[in-house]
C-alpha atoms as a PDB file:
ATOM      1  CA  MET A   1      34.938  16.929  -1.503  1.00  0.00           C
ATOM      2  CA  SER A   2      33.396  17.142   1.948  1.00  0.00           C
ATOM      3  CA  SER A   3      30.024  18.311   0.537  1.00  0.00           C
ATOM      4  CA  ALA A   4      29.906  15.231  -1.722  1.00  0.00           C
ATOM      5  CA  LEU A   5      30.723  13.053   1.275  1.00  0.00           C
ATOM      6  CA  GLU A   6      28.025  14.788   3.316  1.00  0.00           C
ATOM      7  CA  ARG A   7      25.453  14.202   0.548  1.00  0.00           C
ATOM      8  CA  LEU A   8      26.457  10.543   0.401  1.00  0.00           C
ATOM      9  CA  LYS A   9      26.086  10.214   4.171  1.00  0.00           C
ATOM     10  CA  GLU A  10      22.674  11.901   4.033  1.00  0.00           C
ATOM     11  CA  LEU A  11      21.502   9.650   1.207  1.00  0.00           C
ATOM     12  CA  THR A  12      22.754   6.537   3.015  1.00  0.00           C
ATOM     13  CA  SER A  13      20.954   7.640   6.151  1.00  0.00           C
ATOM     14  CA  LYS A  14      17.684   8.160   4.242  1.00  0.00           C
ATOM     15  CA  ILE A  15      17.897   4.761   2.551  1.00  0.00           C
ATOM     16  CA  SER A  16      18.657   3.106   5.866  1.00  0.00           C
ATOM     17  CA  SER A  17      15.729   4.824   7.584  1.00  0.00           C
ATOM     18  CA  TYR A  18      13.370   3.781   4.767  1.00  0.00           C
ATOM     19  CA  GLU A  19      14.447   0.159   5.121  1.00  0.00           C
ATOM     20  CA  LEU A  20      13.998   0.278   8.897  1.00  0.00           C
ATOM     21  CA  ALA A  21      10.570   1.891   8.456  1.00  0.00           C
ATOM     22  CA  ARG A  22       9.642  -0.760   5.905  1.00  0.00           C
ATOM     23  CA  LYS A  23      10.624  -3.638   8.211  1.00  0.00           C
ATOM     24  CA  GLU A  24       8.675  -2.120  11.107  1.00  0.00           C
ATOM     25  CA  ASN A  25       5.730  -1.503   8.784  1.00  0.00           C
ATOM     26  CA  MET A  26       5.706  -5.169   7.730  1.00  0.00           C
ATOM     27  CA  ARG A  27       5.586  -6.295  11.373  1.00  0.00           C
ATOM     28  CA  THR A  28       2.738  -3.879  12.046  1.00  0.00           C
ATOM     29  CA  LEU A  29       0.934  -4.865   8.859  1.00  0.00           C
ATOM     30  CA  GLU A  30       1.055  -8.573   9.683  1.00  0.00           C
ATOM     31  CA  ALA A  31      -0.250  -7.920  13.204  1.00  0.00           C
ATOM     32  CA  LEU A  32      -3.100  -5.766  11.850  1.00  0.00           C
ATOM     33  CA  PHE A  33      -3.899  -8.456   9.273  1.00  0.00           C
ATOM     34  CA  GLY A  34      -4.397 -10.880  12.155  1.00  0.00           C
ATOM     35  CA  THR A  35      -6.303  -8.399  14.338  1.00  0.00           C
ATOM     36  CA  LEU A  36      -8.777  -7.697  11.533  1.00  0.00           C
ATOM     37  CA  ALA A  37      -9.084 -11.443  10.736  1.00  0.00           C
ATOM     38  CA  LEU A  38      -8.472 -10.795   7.034  1.00  0.00           C
ATOM     39  CA  GLY A  39      -7.028 -14.274   6.594  1.00  0.00           C
ATOM     40  CA  GLU A  40     -10.593 -15.598   6.441  1.00  0.00           C
ATOM     41  CA  LYS A  41     -11.058 -13.946   3.033  1.00  0.00           C
ATOM     42  CA  VAL A  42      -7.458 -13.622   1.837  1.00  0.00           C
ATOM     43  CA  GLY A  43      -5.747 -16.760   3.098  1.00  0.00           C
ATOM     44  CA  ASP A  44      -2.037 -16.406   3.816  1.00  0.00           C
ATOM     45  CA  PHE A  45      -0.710 -12.984   4.846  1.00  0.00           C
ATOM     46  CA  ASN A  46       1.533 -12.696   1.762  1.00  0.00           C
ATOM     47  CA  ASP A  47      -1.497 -13.183  -0.489  1.00  0.00           C
ATOM     48  CA  ILE A  48      -2.639  -9.694   0.514  1.00  0.00           C
ATOM     49  CA  PHE A  49      -0.110  -8.299  -1.957  1.00  0.00           C
ATOM     50  CA  GLU A  50      -1.805 -10.003  -4.906  1.00  0.00           C
ATOM     51  CA  PHE A  51      -4.397  -7.247  -4.776  1.00  0.00           C
ATOM     52  CA  LYS A  52      -3.939  -4.393  -7.210  1.00  0.00           C
ATOM     53  CA  ALA A  53      -5.400  -2.028  -4.609  1.00  0.00           C
ATOM     54  CA  ILE A  54      -7.163  -2.046  -1.271  1.00  0.00           C
ATOM     55  CA  ASN A  55      -9.799   0.588  -0.667  1.00  0.00           C
ATOM     56  CA  LEU A  56     -12.112   1.577   2.123  1.00  0.00           C
ATOM     57  CA  SER A  57     -15.690   2.770   2.209  1.00  0.00           C
ATOM     58  CA  GLY A  58     -17.159   4.833   5.015  1.00  0.00           C
ATOM     59  CA  ILE A  59     -13.934   6.529   6.144  1.00  0.00           C
ATOM     60  CA  SER A  60     -11.860   9.121   4.337  1.00  0.00           C
ATOM     61  CA  LEU A  61      -8.282   8.281   3.422  1.00  0.00           C
ATOM     62  CA  SER A  62      -7.501  11.681   1.917  1.00  0.00           C
ATOM     63  CA  GLU A  63      -4.506  13.369   3.489  1.00  0.00           C
ATOM     64  CA  ASN A  64      -6.438  16.298   4.937  1.00  0.00           C
ATOM     65  CA  GLU A  65      -9.351  14.230   6.279  1.00  0.00           C
ATOM     66  CA  ILE A  66      -7.750  10.882   7.074  1.00  0.00           C
ATOM     67  CA  GLY A  67      -9.873   8.856   9.463  1.00  0.00           C
ATOM     68  CA  THR A  68     -12.928  11.112   9.152  1.00  0.00           C
ATOM     69  CA  ILE A  69     -16.106   9.058   9.039  1.00  0.00           C
ATOM     70  CA  LYS A  70     -18.767   9.520   6.364  1.00  0.00           C
ATOM     71  CA  GLU A  71     -22.059   9.487   8.279  1.00  0.00           C
ATOM     72  CA  GLY A  72     -24.679   7.068   6.970  1.00  0.00           C
ATOM     73  CA  LYS A  73     -22.131   4.948   5.072  1.00  0.00           C
ATOM     74  CA  TYR A  74     -21.100   1.367   5.710  1.00  0.00           C
ATOM     75  CA  LEU A  75     -17.547   0.522   6.715  1.00  0.00           C
ATOM     76  CA  GLN A  76     -15.984  -1.998   4.388  1.00  0.00           C
ATOM     77  CA  VAL A  77     -12.471  -3.004   3.326  1.00  0.00           C
ATOM     78  CA  ILE A  78     -12.422  -3.796  -0.392  1.00  0.00           C
ATOM     79  CA  GLY A  79      -9.639  -5.614  -2.230  1.00  0.00           C
ATOM     80  CA  ILE A  80      -9.331  -5.119  -5.978  1.00  0.00           C
ATOM     81  CA  LYS A  81      -7.860  -7.883  -8.100  1.00  0.00           C
ATOM     82  CA  TYR A  82      -7.058  -7.759 -11.786  1.00  0.00           C
ATOM     83  CA  ASP A  83      -7.813 -10.801 -13.930  1.00  0.00           C
ATOM     84  CA  LYS A  84      -6.716 -10.364 -17.547  1.00  0.00           C
ATOM     85  CA  GLU A  85      -8.554 -13.563 -18.544  1.00  0.00           C
ATOM     86  CA  ALA A  86     -11.946 -12.488 -17.189  1.00  0.00           C
ATOM     87  CA  LYS A  87     -14.588 -10.601 -19.140  1.00  0.00           C
ATOM     88  CA  VAL A  88     -14.672  -7.973 -16.383  1.00  0.00           C
ATOM     89  CA  LYS A  89     -10.980  -7.303 -15.660  1.00  0.00           C
ATOM     90  CA  ASN A  90     -11.251  -5.778 -12.156  1.00  0.00           C
ATOM     91  CA  LYS A  91     -12.893  -7.764  -9.392  1.00  0.00           C
ATOM     92  CA  ASN A  92     -13.852  -6.168  -6.078  1.00  0.00           C
ATOM     93  CA  ILE A  93     -13.691  -8.503  -3.090  1.00  0.00           C
ATOM     94  CA  SER A  94     -15.035  -7.600   0.328  1.00  0.00           C
ATOM     95  CA  LEU A  95     -12.261  -8.353   2.802  1.00  0.00           C
ATOM     96  CA  GLY A  96     -14.163  -7.077   5.797  1.00  0.00           C
ATOM     97  CA  TYR A  97     -17.616  -5.656   6.463  1.00  0.00           C
ATOM     98  CA  TYR A  98     -18.171  -3.796   9.728  1.00  0.00           C
ATOM     99  CA  GLY A  99     -21.648  -2.213   9.471  1.00  0.00           C
ATOM    100  CA  ARG A 100     -22.640   1.433   9.794  1.00  0.00           C
ATOM    101  CA  VAL A 101     -19.451   3.429  10.212  1.00  0.00           C
ATOM    102  CA  GLU A 102     -20.749   5.594  13.053  1.00  0.00           C
ATOM    103  CA  LYS A 103     -21.570   2.466  15.086  1.00  0.00           C
ATOM    104  CA  VAL A 104     -18.071   0.964  14.744  1.00  0.00           C
ATOM    105  CA  GLU A 105     -15.780   1.601  17.714  1.00  0.00           C
ATOM    106  CA  PRO A 106     -13.189   4.307  17.016  1.00  0.00           C
ATOM    107  CA  GLU A 107     -10.361   1.888  17.898  1.00  0.00           C
ATOM    108  CA  ILE A 108     -11.498  -0.548  15.192  1.00  0.00           C
ATOM    109  CA  ARG A 109     -11.891   2.273  12.665  1.00  0.00           C
ATOM    110  CA  ASN A 110      -8.351   3.472  13.420  1.00  0.00           C
ATOM    111  CA  THR A 111      -7.003  -0.081  13.106  1.00  0.00           C
ATOM    112  CA  ILE A 112      -8.607  -0.409   9.671  1.00  0.00           C
ATOM    113  CA  VAL A 113      -7.220   2.936   8.464  1.00  0.00           C
ATOM    114  CA  LYS A 114      -3.765   2.054   9.780  1.00  0.00           C
ATOM    115  CA  PHE A 115      -3.903  -1.326   7.993  1.00  0.00           C
ATOM    116  CA  ILE A 116      -4.789   0.258   4.640  1.00  0.00           C
ATOM    117  CA  ILE A 117      -2.076   2.926   4.880  1.00  0.00           C
ATOM    118  CA  ALA A 118       0.499   0.328   5.981  1.00  0.00           C
ATOM    119  CA  TRP A 119      -0.530  -1.943   3.075  1.00  0.00           C
ATOM    120  CA  ARG A 120      -0.192   0.916   0.596  1.00  0.00           C
ATOM    121  CA  PHE A 121       3.217   1.812   2.028  1.00  0.00           C
ATOM    122  CA  GLU A 122       4.533  -1.728   1.468  1.00  0.00           C
ATOM    123  CA  LYS A 123       2.781  -2.054  -1.900  1.00  0.00           C
ATOM    124  CA  SER A 124       4.567   1.097  -3.101  1.00  0.00           C
ATOM    125  CA  PHE A 125       7.948  -0.478  -2.268  1.00  0.00           C
ATOM    126  CA  ARG A 126       6.993  -3.640  -4.143  1.00  0.00           C
ATOM    127  CA  THR A 127       5.898  -1.609  -7.159  1.00  0.00           C
ATOM    128  CA  LEU A 128       9.174   0.320  -7.083  1.00  0.00           C
ATOM    129  CA  GLU A 129      11.159  -2.942  -6.975  1.00  0.00           C
ATOM    130  CA  HIS A 130       9.085  -4.363  -9.849  1.00  0.00           C
ATOM    131  CA  TYR A 131       9.792  -1.413 -12.148  1.00  0.00           C
ATOM    132  CA  TYR A 132      13.436  -1.299 -11.134  1.00  0.00           C
ATOM    133  CA  THR A 133      13.760  -4.952 -12.167  1.00  0.00           C
ATOM    134  CA  MET A 134      11.993  -4.236 -15.463  1.00  0.00           C
ATOM    135  CA  LEU A 135      14.372  -1.359 -16.227  1.00  0.00           C
ATOM    136  CA  GLU A 136      17.359  -3.594 -15.464  1.00  0.00           C
ATOM    137  CA  LYS A 137      16.159  -6.048 -18.144  1.00  0.00           C
ATOM    138  CA  LEU A 138      16.243  -3.410 -20.861  1.00  0.00           C
ATOM    139  CA  PRO A 139      19.421  -3.014 -22.904  1.00  0.00           C
ATOM    140  CA  LYS A 140      21.722  -0.253 -21.710  1.00  0.00           C
ATOM    141  CA  SER A 141      21.770   2.714 -24.060  1.00  0.00           C
ATOM    142  CA  GLU A 142      23.297   6.120 -24.407  1.00  0.00           C
ATOM    143  CA  VAL A 143      21.326   9.138 -23.266  1.00  0.00           C
ATOM    144  CA  ILE A 144      19.378  10.465 -26.228  1.00  0.00           C
ATOM    145  CA  SER A 145      19.836  14.140 -27.034  1.00  0.00           C
ATOM    146  CA  ALA A 146      16.857  16.451 -26.702  1.00  0.00           C
ATOM    147  CA  ASP A 147      17.707  17.871 -30.151  1.00  0.00           C
ATOM    148  CA  LEU A 148      16.022  15.015 -32.038  1.00  0.00           C
ATOM    149  CA  PRO A 149      13.912  16.024 -35.052  1.00  0.00           C
END
């Protein structure tokens, strides 16, 4: 019984820490949104989540090379929107252009990388909530056996 209680405590602790991290992330994200003056292209802060994705050119976001500049490239934050009514479904929107990446101050580069990672962190929570809600709308059913023909 105590191991089940311990697992429950551990799970509760993890969920609580994720929620605290998410709240802190949202505060940071909103501050970075203002610092980078993205409202000029996006409008209201909450509109930033209407983008399907936000990408970056000129700096690596891969886990092993995060923040590494790509010499000779231009630093740009790109928002991707999906419009099912348009002929071309995906639309890339420049949210911020900063010039040659090697000429941009390291502090600004780091701010941009932090913004994108923070946005993706929050976007993942919103996606999780969206699919959870969709699953809740489906009728409840029995678990189907793996022995189906």
